[in-house]
Amino acid sequence: MLAQALARLGVPADRVRTSTVTGAGGEGTLAVTELAPPATDMAEDAKPLVLLMHGIGDTSATFRHIAPKIADAGYTVVAHDLRGSGQTSTTFASYLPEEAAKDALAVAEAAVASTAEAVATDAPASTPDARAALNRKGVVLVGHSYSAASAVWAAAEAPEAVRGLVFLGPFVRDPNEGRGLSAGMKLMLRLLMSRPIGAGFWASYYSGTLHKHPELDRAELQRHTAEIRRMLDGPHLAALRATMFATKAACTARLPQVRAPSLTIIGGADPDYPSPAAEAAYITGALAHTGRAEQLLVDGVGHYPHFEQTQATADAILRFLGSLAVPTEAPAATA
């Protein structure tokens, strides 16, 4: 979905490549968009890949404004539609975030391979050579919302490859400070997220509740929301429900194993947390052992800092990426 959004924004077509990659377990394919840096950038080979992972009930098009800003700074940017989202298959048996993490690593490996030759449709799953190439190139994982938990799992699973983590409006643990939703809330959400009202309910919540900044482009947000609603009129709605109720416990348990430095960006008005500041403090505290766990609270912003305050979010991400240019010895992971 990102490729079409970039085309509407006038991004040159010769910088955009689309492909499909087989997801973990071989149960479906992932729709991938790769955005190359300007052709004049000769330092791109020395920079890590940047992989953008969107949250639930969304598509990779959510990164339509921030992806070019990162790419224009000399980074190859890759984004894929998550399981059951956008143009990716809805045939997966599991929508757990750790499975999405495996998908992300497969996408990153395929993207690194594409710098030498075009990615074949339905590129195969991970191989030792592909992982070794990713280890040499390095990847920074940018996880929004649900995908922040996937980024944690991937960083713990592939510490040689993951050079940094950026969390946007993140859930690295289950809602309600890790306790998860109550039985009553789950039942209510299952009803609200079912036909015939599910697509409309999510679209209203997405555009009306989760986006808070008073100066955001409401007309463009409505266009993007309309695309999401059309998507959810099909089999994607069931996939969204499965993703919504997927526990993040296995990913949370791997926080102590993460070695990569991190940047957490949270909107100060994000309604998904009782206290955005407290959630940011929890994440940076859980990753303090890495030696570098930074946070940025963006005033007046809801759950989508990359859209609501694109420039401020991009500036913070690029400062973080630039600081990773010189590798440092990562602290040992804790048990």
Protein backbone atom coordinates (compact mmCIF):
# COMPACT_ATOMS: atom_id res chain seq x y z
CA MET A 1 0.00 0.00 0.00
CA LEU A 2 2.93 2.35 0.59
CA ALA A 3 3.97 2.31 -3.07
CA GLN A 4 0.62 3.70 -4.22
CA ALA A 5 0.69 6.40 -1.54
CA LEU A 6 4.21 7.45 -2.54
CA ALA A 7 3.13 7.68 -6.18
CA ARG A 8 0.27 10.03 -5.22
CA LEU A 9 2.79 12.22 -3.38
CA GLY A 10 5.01 12.44 -6.47
CA VAL A 11 7.93 10.30 -5.29
CA PRO A 12 9.90 9.28 -8.41
CA ALA A 13 8.89 5.80 -9.54
CA ASP A 14 12.49 4.77 -10.19
CA ARG A 15 13.17 5.00 -6.45
CA VAL A 16 10.32 2.66 -5.52
CA ARG A 17 10.39 -1.12 -5.80
CA THR A 18 7.61 -3.53 -4.85
CA SER A 19 7.88 -7.24 -4.19
CA THR A 20 6.36 -10.06 -2.19
CA VAL A 21 8.12 -12.11 0.45
CA THR A 22 6.91 -15.39 1.91
CA GLY A 23 5.91 -14.97 5.53
CA ALA A 24 7.21 -17.11 8.39
CA GLY A 25 5.67 -20.56 8.23
CA GLY A 26 4.96 -20.24 4.51
CA GLU A 27 1.24 -19.60 5.06
CA GLY A 28 1.02 -16.40 3.04
CA THR A 29 2.89 -13.60 1.34
CA LEU A 30 3.84 -10.13 2.52
CA ALA A 31 3.48 -7.09 0.26
CA VAL A 32 6.73 -5.10 0.45
CA THR A 33 7.70 -1.60 -0.69
CA GLU A 34 11.32 -0.47 -0.86
CA LEU A 35 12.21 3.22 -1.19
CA ALA A 36 15.76 3.92 -2.28
CA PRO A 37 17.76 7.03 -1.35
CA PRO A 38 18.53 9.60 -4.04
CA ALA A 39 20.90 8.25 -6.68
CA THR A 40 23.49 10.87 -5.74
CA ASP A 41 23.89 9.42 -2.22
CA MET A 42 27.15 7.45 -2.29
CA ALA A 43 27.24 6.67 1.45
CA GLU A 44 24.11 4.48 1.51
CA ASP A 45 26.10 1.24 1.59
CA ALA A 46 27.56 2.22 4.96
CA LYS A 47 24.15 2.91 6.48
CA PRO A 48 21.80 0.34 7.97
CA LEU A 49 18.54 -0.58 6.34
CA VAL A 50 15.49 1.06 7.94
CA LEU A 51 12.45 -1.21 8.24
CA LEU A 52 9.11 0.43 9.07
CA MET A 53 6.40 -1.74 10.69
CA HIS A 54 2.89 -0.34 11.07
CA GLY A 55 0.37 -1.05 13.81
CA ILE A 56 -2.94 -2.93 13.77
CA GLY A 57 -5.85 -1.86 11.60
CA ASP A 58 -3.54 0.04 9.27
CA THR A 59 -1.27 -0.42 6.26
CA SER A 60 2.26 0.54 5.28
CA ALA A 61 0.77 3.69 3.71
CA THR A 62 0.71 5.20 7.20
CA PHE A 63 4.42 5.91 6.61
CA ARG A 64 3.80 7.81 3.35
CA HIS A 65 5.20 11.09 4.66
CA ILE A 66 8.00 9.95 6.93
CA ALA A 67 9.48 7.29 4.64
CA PRO A 68 10.69 9.82 2.03
CA LYS A 69 12.25 12.01 4.72
CA ILE A 70 14.31 9.07 5.98
CA ALA A 71 15.21 7.90 2.47
CA ASP A 72 16.22 11.41 1.40
CA ALA A 73 18.79 11.33 4.22
CA GLY A 74 20.52 8.43 2.48
CA TYR A 75 18.82 5.34 3.90
CA THR A 76 17.11 2.51 2.08
CA VAL A 77 13.65 2.33 3.64
CA VAL A 78 11.49 -0.78 3.53
CA ALA A 79 7.91 -1.22 4.73
CA HIS A 80 5.50 -4.10 4.39
CA ASP A 81 1.82 -4.63 5.02
CA LEU A 82 1.59 -6.79 8.15
CA ARG A 83 -0.18 -10.14 8.25
CA GLY A 84 -3.82 -9.65 7.34
CA SER A 85 -3.32 -5.99 6.32
CA GLY A 86 -3.29 -4.12 3.03
CA GLN A 87 -2.12 -6.28 0.15
CA THR A 88 -0.63 -8.98 2.39
CA SER A 89 -2.34 -12.37 2.72
CA THR A 90 -5.09 -13.04 5.25
CA THR A 91 -4.33 -16.78 5.30
CA PHE A 92 -1.96 -16.90 8.27
CA ALA A 93 -2.76 -19.25 11.14
CA SER A 94 -1.20 -16.97 13.77
CA TYR A 95 -1.19 -13.21 14.26
CA LEU A 96 1.05 -13.20 17.32
CA PRO A 97 3.63 -10.39 17.31
CA GLU A 98 6.52 -12.86 17.48
CA GLU A 99 5.36 -14.32 14.16
CA ALA A 100 5.26 -10.80 12.74
CA ALA A 101 8.83 -10.39 14.02
CA LYS A 102 9.93 -13.40 12.00
CA ASP A 103 8.22 -11.86 8.97
CA ALA A 104 10.11 -8.61 9.54
CA LEU A 105 13.48 -10.35 9.58
CA ALA A 106 12.57 -12.20 6.37
CA VAL A 107 11.61 -8.90 4.73
CA ALA A 108 14.87 -7.28 5.86
CA GLU A 109 16.92 -10.18 4.50
CA ALA A 110 15.15 -9.98 1.14
CA ALA A 111 15.68 -6.22 0.99
CA VAL A 112 19.40 -6.57 1.62
CA ALA A 113 19.58 -9.16 -1.15
CA SER A 114 17.80 -6.72 -3.48
CA THR A 115 20.70 -4.27 -3.29
CA ALA A 116 22.70 -6.75 -5.35
CA GLU A 117 19.90 -8.08 -7.58
CA ALA A 118 16.13 -7.72 -7.98
CA VAL A 119 14.01 -9.51 -5.42
CA ALA A 120 12.15 -12.46 -6.89
CA THR A 121 8.42 -12.69 -6.29
CA ASP A 122 7.71 -14.85 -3.26
CA ALA A 123 11.33 -14.70 -2.12
CA PRO A 124 12.21 -17.70 0.06
CA ALA A 125 12.36 -17.68 3.81
CA SER A 126 15.53 -17.06 5.77
CA THR A 127 18.74 -18.85 4.80
CA PRO A 128 22.15 -18.73 6.53
CA ASP A 129 23.60 -16.65 3.68
CA ALA A 130 20.70 -14.19 3.82
CA ARG A 131 21.05 -13.72 7.57
CA ALA A 132 24.83 -13.25 7.24
CA ALA A 133 24.27 -10.53 4.63
CA LEU A 134 21.76 -8.80 6.92
CA ASN A 135 24.22 -9.02 9.80
CA ARG A 136 26.80 -7.20 7.69
CA LYS A 137 24.39 -4.50 6.49
CA GLY A 138 22.44 -4.04 9.71
CA VAL A 139 18.84 -2.95 10.15
CA VAL A 140 17.07 -0.43 12.33
CA LEU A 141 13.54 -1.52 13.18
CA VAL A 142 10.87 1.17 13.50
CA GLY A 143 7.83 -0.38 15.15
CA HIS A 144 4.54 1.43 15.60
CA SER A 145 2.05 0.35 18.28
CA TYR A 146 1.61 -3.48 18.13
CA SER A 147 4.76 -3.82 16.00
CA ALA A 148 6.95 -2.42 18.77
CA ALA A 149 6.58 -5.80 20.50
CA SER A 150 7.64 -7.51 17.25
CA ALA A 151 10.68 -5.24 17.06
CA VAL A 152 11.68 -6.30 20.58
CA TRP A 153 11.41 -9.98 19.68
CA ALA A 154 13.40 -9.51 16.46
CA ALA A 155 16.15 -7.55 18.25
CA ALA A 156 16.53 -10.30 20.82
CA GLU A 157 16.44 -13.00 18.15
CA ALA A 158 18.94 -11.35 15.77
CA PRO A 159 21.21 -9.11 17.85
CA GLU A 160 23.98 -9.10 15.24
CA ALA A 161 21.59 -7.70 12.64
CA VAL A 162 19.47 -5.22 14.59
CA ARG A 163 21.52 -2.04 15.13
CA GLY A 164 18.78 0.05 16.68
CA LEU A 165 15.12 0.23 17.64
CA VAL A 166 12.66 3.09 17.24
CA PHE A 167 9.28 2.74 18.94
CA LEU A 168 6.35 4.92 17.86
CA GLY A 169 3.29 4.94 20.14
CA PRO A 170 4.51 1.53 21.26
CA PHE A 171 3.01 -1.49 22.96
CA VAL A 172 5.91 -3.64 24.09
CA ARG A 173 3.59 -5.24 26.64
CA ASP A 174 -0.10 -6.02 26.79
CA PRO A 175 -2.53 -3.14 27.49
CA ASN A 176 -3.43 -2.06 31.00
CA GLU A 177 0.23 -2.03 32.08
CA GLY A 178 0.75 -5.63 30.98
CA ARG A 179 -2.36 -7.04 32.61
CA GLY A 180 -4.26 -7.21 29.34
CA LEU A 181 -7.89 -6.46 28.66
CA SER A 182 -10.61 -7.58 31.03
CA ALA A 183 -12.97 -10.35 29.95
CA GLY A 184 -15.79 -7.82 29.65
CA MET A 185 -13.72 -5.50 27.47
CA LYS A 186 -12.71 -8.39 25.21
CA LEU A 187 -16.32 -9.41 24.75
CA MET A 188 -17.37 -5.86 23.95
CA LEU A 189 -14.56 -5.43 21.43
CA ARG A 190 -15.35 -8.75 19.75
CA LEU A 191 -18.89 -7.52 19.20
CA LEU A 192 -17.83 -4.09 18.01
CA MET A 193 -15.17 -5.55 15.70
CA SER A 194 -17.53 -7.98 13.98
CA ARG A 195 -19.78 -7.57 10.97
CA PRO A 196 -21.74 -5.55 10.08
CA ILE A 197 -20.34 -2.69 12.20
CA GLY A 198 -16.68 -3.68 12.62
CA ALA A 199 -15.18 -1.76 9.69
CA GLY A 200 -17.10 1.40 10.51
CA PHE A 201 -16.32 1.19 14.22
CA TRP A 202 -12.59 0.85 13.61
CA ALA A 203 -12.56 3.65 11.03
CA SER A 204 -14.29 5.99 13.47
CA TYR A 205 -11.95 5.07 16.33
CA TYR A 206 -8.89 5.33 14.09
CA SER A 207 -9.59 8.79 12.74
CA GLY A 208 -11.64 10.29 15.53
CA THR A 209 -10.01 9.04 18.72
CA LEU A 210 -6.42 8.00 18.05
CA HIS A 211 -5.33 11.10 16.11
CA LYS A 212 -5.18 14.15 18.38
CA HIS A 213 -2.98 16.93 17.03
CA PRO A 214 -5.12 20.01 16.21
CA GLU A 215 -3.08 20.95 13.12
CA LEU A 216 -3.04 17.60 11.32
CA ASP A 217 -4.46 17.32 7.80
CA ARG A 218 -7.93 15.95 8.52
CA ALA A 219 -8.86 15.66 4.85
CA GLU A 220 -5.87 13.46 4.10
CA LEU A 221 -6.50 11.44 7.26
CA GLN A 222 -10.04 10.78 6.06
CA ARG A 223 -8.76 9.58 2.68
CA HIS A 224 -6.40 7.14 4.38
CA THR A 225 -9.13 6.03 6.78
CA ALA A 226 -11.47 5.37 3.85
CA GLU A 227 -8.86 3.02 2.37
CA ILE A 228 -8.63 1.19 5.68
CA ARG A 229 -12.40 0.87 5.87
CA ARG A 230 -12.57 -0.60 2.36
CA MET A 231 -9.87 -3.08 3.34
CA LEU A 232 -11.83 -4.17 6.41
CA ASP A 233 -14.94 -4.85 4.36
CA GLY A 234 -13.17 -8.05 3.26
CA PRO A 235 -11.44 -10.88 5.16
CA HIS A 236 -9.06 -8.41 6.76
CA LEU A 237 -11.54 -7.70 9.56
CA ALA A 238 -11.13 -11.19 11.04
CA ALA A 239 -7.37 -10.80 10.81
CA LEU A 240 -7.59 -7.46 12.64
CA ARG A 241 -9.59 -9.08 15.45
CA ALA A 242 -7.02 -11.86 15.77
CA THR A 243 -4.18 -9.33 15.88
CA MET A 244 -5.99 -7.12 18.39
CA PHE A 245 -6.31 -9.97 20.90
CA ALA A 246 -2.85 -11.48 20.32
CA THR A 247 -0.82 -11.37 23.54
CA LYS A 248 2.57 -9.68 23.56
CA ALA A 249 3.79 -11.68 26.56
CA ALA A 250 6.44 -13.65 24.65
CA CYS A 251 7.90 -10.42 23.27
CA THR A 252 7.82 -8.64 26.62
CA ALA A 253 9.73 -11.53 28.16
CA ARG A 254 12.58 -10.87 25.73
CA LEU A 255 13.14 -7.23 26.71
CA PRO A 256 16.09 -8.19 28.97
CA GLN A 257 17.76 -9.90 25.98
CA VAL A 258 17.77 -6.80 23.78
CA ARG A 259 21.21 -5.29 23.14
CA ALA A 260 20.37 -2.58 20.62
CA PRO A 261 20.02 1.10 21.54
CA SER A 262 16.50 2.46 21.35
CA LEU A 263 14.45 5.61 20.91
CA THR A 264 10.86 5.70 22.17
CA ILE A 265 8.58 8.38 20.72
CA ILE A 266 5.16 8.76 22.33
CA GLY A 267 2.47 11.38 21.83
CA GLY A 268 1.74 13.33 24.97
CA ALA A 269 -2.00 13.06 24.22
CA ASP A 270 -2.01 9.39 23.18
CA PRO A 271 -5.33 7.99 24.45
CA ASP A 272 -4.07 4.40 24.38
CA TYR A 273 -2.20 4.86 27.68
CA PRO A 274 -3.40 5.92 31.13
CA SER A 275 -0.18 7.95 31.19
CA PRO A 276 1.97 8.31 28.06
CA ALA A 277 4.89 9.55 30.17
CA ALA A 278 4.65 6.52 32.46
CA GLU A 279 4.63 4.13 29.51
CA ALA A 280 7.70 5.81 28.03
CA ALA A 281 9.43 5.53 31.41
CA TYR A 282 8.54 1.83 31.61
CA ILE A 283 10.08 1.13 28.21
CA THR A 284 13.28 3.08 28.79
CA GLY A 285 13.61 1.47 32.21
CA ALA A 286 13.15 -2.01 30.77
CA LEU A 287 15.90 -1.30 28.24
CA ALA A 288 18.24 0.64 30.52
CA HIS A 289 20.66 -2.32 30.52
CA THR A 290 21.49 -1.59 26.86
CA GLY A 291 23.26 1.58 27.92
CA ARG A 292 21.14 3.76 25.65
CA ALA A 293 17.37 3.93 25.89
CA GLU A 294 16.09 7.38 24.94
CA GLN A 295 12.60 8.81 24.91
CA LEU A 296 10.75 11.73 23.35
CA LEU A 297 7.28 12.84 24.43
CA VAL A 298 5.63 14.90 21.67
CA ASP A 299 3.13 17.41 23.07
CA GLY A 300 -0.40 17.38 21.71
CA VAL A 301 0.09 14.25 19.62
CA GLY A 302 -2.01 11.10 19.74
CA HIS A 303 -1.11 7.57 18.68
CA TYR A 304 0.47 8.40 15.30
CA PRO A 305 3.43 10.76 15.78
CA HIS A 306 4.83 9.87 12.34
CA PHE A 307 1.70 11.37 10.72
CA GLU A 308 0.54 13.95 13.26
CA GLN A 309 3.99 15.57 13.64
CA THR A 310 5.97 14.12 10.77
CA GLN A 311 8.86 16.58 10.77
CA ALA A 312 9.54 16.45 14.50
CA THR A 313 9.36 12.65 14.44
CA ALA A 314 11.60 12.40 11.39
CA ASP A 315 14.15 14.79 12.92
CA ALA A 316 14.33 12.67 16.08
CA ILE A 317 14.66 9.43 14.10
CA LEU A 318 17.37 10.85 11.84
CA ARG A 319 19.38 12.12 14.82
CA PHE A 320 19.14 8.65 16.30
CA LEU A 321 20.12 6.97 13.04
CA GLY A 322 23.06 9.31 12.60
CA SER A 323 24.36 8.44 16.03
CA LEU A 324 24.49 4.77 15.00
CA ALA A 325 26.91 5.45 12.14
CA VAL A 326 29.91 4.52 14.27
CA PRO A 327 29.35 1.04 15.76
CA THR A 328 29.98 0.64 19.46
CA GLU A 329 30.37 -2.49 21.53
CA ALA A 330 26.88 -3.51 22.65
CA PRO A 331 26.41 -4.38 26.32
CA ALA A 332 25.87 -8.02 27.06
CA ALA A 333 22.23 -9.10 27.30
CA THR A 334 20.89 -10.04 30.69
CA ALA A 335 19.20 -13.31 31.42
